[in-house]
Amino acid sequence: MEYLNVDDISKAIIGLIRAGAVFRFVYCMVRLQGAEEEQAQYRKRAKNTVLFYVIAESIWQIRDIVMYYYK
């Protein structure tokens, strides 16, 4: 029986974050095409999704740098 370590768990979380951000962005773009009165709202949500993704990726890169430094 193999045990999960921190690196395996972090890779799974990164995958979930990436998939969730992509699906959320696609959903906002699809809704942006159909809803004229709510375009500003979905445009802002899409922008916030991209911002969240950039920040999340930055956090994981910083974590990798720190883990490399202390190994």
C-alpha atoms as a PDB file:
ATOM      1  CA  MET A   1       0.000   0.000   0.000  1.00  0.00           C
ATOM      2  CA  GLU A   2       1.432   3.334  -1.084  1.00  0.00           C
ATOM      3  CA  TYR A   3       0.912   6.438   0.935  1.00  0.00           C
ATOM      4  CA  LEU A   4       0.297   9.862  -0.502  1.00  0.00           C
ATOM      5  CA  ASN A   5       2.859  12.498   0.244  1.00  0.00           C
ATOM      6  CA  VAL A   6       2.549  16.269   0.187  1.00  0.00           C
ATOM      7  CA  ASP A   7       3.793  16.515  -3.391  1.00  0.00           C
ATOM      8  CA  ASP A   8       1.067  14.166  -4.671  1.00  0.00           C
ATOM      9  CA  ILE A   9      -1.621  16.082  -2.832  1.00  0.00           C
ATOM     10  CA  SER A  10      -0.359  19.432  -4.125  1.00  0.00           C
ATOM     11  CA  LYS A  11      -0.345  18.123  -7.716  1.00  0.00           C
ATOM     12  CA  ALA A  12      -3.958  17.002  -7.311  1.00  0.00           C
ATOM     13  CA  ILE A  13      -4.961  20.406  -5.930  1.00  0.00           C
ATOM     14  CA  ILE A  14      -3.162  22.202  -8.770  1.00  0.00           C
ATOM     15  CA  GLY A  15      -5.041  20.039 -11.266  1.00  0.00           C
ATOM     16  CA  LEU A  16      -8.372  20.837  -9.628  1.00  0.00           C
ATOM     17  CA  ILE A  17      -7.606  24.564  -9.595  1.00  0.00           C
ATOM     18  CA  ARG A  18      -6.618  24.546 -13.272  1.00  0.00           C
ATOM     19  CA  ALA A  19      -9.670  22.553 -14.342  1.00  0.00           C
ATOM     20  CA  GLY A  20     -12.021  24.675 -12.252  1.00  0.00           C
ATOM     21  CA  ALA A  21     -10.607  27.929 -13.594  1.00  0.00           C
ATOM     22  CA  VAL A  22     -10.869  26.738 -17.198  1.00  0.00           C
ATOM     23  CA  PHE A  23     -14.459  25.548 -16.760  1.00  0.00           C
ATOM     24  CA  ARG A  24     -15.443  28.762 -14.956  1.00  0.00           C
ATOM     25  CA  PHE A  25     -13.888  30.906 -17.695  1.00  0.00           C
ATOM     26  CA  VAL A  26     -15.622  28.924 -20.457  1.00  0.00           C
ATOM     27  CA  TYR A  27     -18.935  29.146 -18.576  1.00  0.00           C
ATOM     28  CA  CYS A  28     -18.590  32.928 -18.260  1.00  0.00           C
ATOM     29  CA  MET A  29     -17.759  33.269 -21.959  1.00  0.00           C
ATOM     30  CA  VAL A  30     -20.771  31.166 -22.958  1.00  0.00           C
ATOM     31  CA  ARG A  31     -23.069  33.183 -20.686  1.00  0.00           C
ATOM     32  CA  LEU A  32     -21.524  36.390 -22.037  1.00  0.00           C
ATOM     33  CA  GLN A  33     -22.675  35.427 -25.535  1.00  0.00           C
ATOM     34  CA  GLY A  34     -26.297  34.942 -24.507  1.00  0.00           C
ATOM     35  CA  ALA A  35     -27.116  37.482 -21.804  1.00  0.00           C
ATOM     36  CA  GLU A  36     -27.034  41.060 -23.079  1.00  0.00           C
ATOM     37  CA  GLU A  37     -28.223  42.693 -19.861  1.00  0.00           C
ATOM     38  CA  GLU A  38     -25.714  40.747 -17.745  1.00  0.00           C
ATOM     39  CA  GLN A  39     -22.641  41.173 -19.967  1.00  0.00           C
ATOM     40  CA  ALA A  40     -20.795  43.438 -17.548  1.00  0.00           C
ATOM     41  CA  GLN A  41     -21.357  40.989 -14.700  1.00  0.00           C
ATOM     42  CA  TYR A  42     -20.029  37.977 -16.632  1.00  0.00           C
ATOM     43  CA  ARG A  43     -17.133  39.978 -18.069  1.00  0.00           C
ATOM     44  CA  LYS A  44     -16.099  40.888 -14.510  1.00  0.00           C
ATOM     45  CA  ARG A  45     -16.487  37.268 -13.378  1.00  0.00           C
ATOM     46  CA  ALA A  46     -14.284  36.085 -16.265  1.00  0.00           C
ATOM     47  CA  LYS A  47     -11.668  38.703 -15.375  1.00  0.00           C
ATOM     48  CA  ASN A  48     -11.751  37.641 -11.714  1.00  0.00           C
ATOM     49  CA  THR A  49     -11.363  33.994 -12.754  1.00  0.00           C
ATOM     50  CA  VAL A  50      -8.226  34.807 -14.743  1.00  0.00           C
ATOM     51  CA  LEU A  51      -6.887  36.860 -11.820  1.00  0.00           C
ATOM     52  CA  PHE A  52      -7.574  33.972  -9.418  1.00  0.00           C
ATOM     53  CA  TYR A  53      -5.768  31.556 -11.731  1.00  0.00           C
ATOM     54  CA  VAL A  54      -2.691  33.789 -11.989  1.00  0.00           C
ATOM     55  CA  ILE A  55      -2.530  34.229  -8.204  1.00  0.00           C
ATOM     56  CA  ALA A  56      -3.043  30.494  -7.575  1.00  0.00           C
ATOM     57  CA  GLU A  57      -0.278  29.552 -10.016  1.00  0.00           C
ATOM     58  CA  SER A  58       2.022  32.141  -8.433  1.00  0.00           C
ATOM     59  CA  ILE A  59       1.443  30.699  -4.980  1.00  0.00           C
ATOM     60  CA  TRP A  60       2.329  27.197  -6.176  1.00  0.00           C
ATOM     61  CA  GLN A  61       5.477  28.491  -7.905  1.00  0.00           C
ATOM     62  CA  ILE A  62       6.561  30.232  -4.706  1.00  0.00           C
ATOM     63  CA  ARG A  63       5.888  27.009  -2.785  1.00  0.00           C
ATOM     64  CA  ASP A  64       8.060  25.078  -5.232  1.00  0.00           C
ATOM     65  CA  ILE A  65      10.885  27.606  -4.852  1.00  0.00           C
ATOM     66  CA  VAL A  66      10.726  27.399  -1.058  1.00  0.00           C
ATOM     67  CA  MET A  67      10.626  23.589  -1.114  1.00  0.00           C
ATOM     68  CA  TYR A  68      13.639  23.503  -3.464  1.00  0.00           C
ATOM     69  CA  TYR A  69      15.530  25.943  -1.276  1.00  0.00           C
ATOM     70  CA  TYR A  70      15.014  23.973   1.942  1.00  0.00           C
ATOM     71  CA  LYS A  71      15.701  20.492   0.514  1.00  0.00           C
END
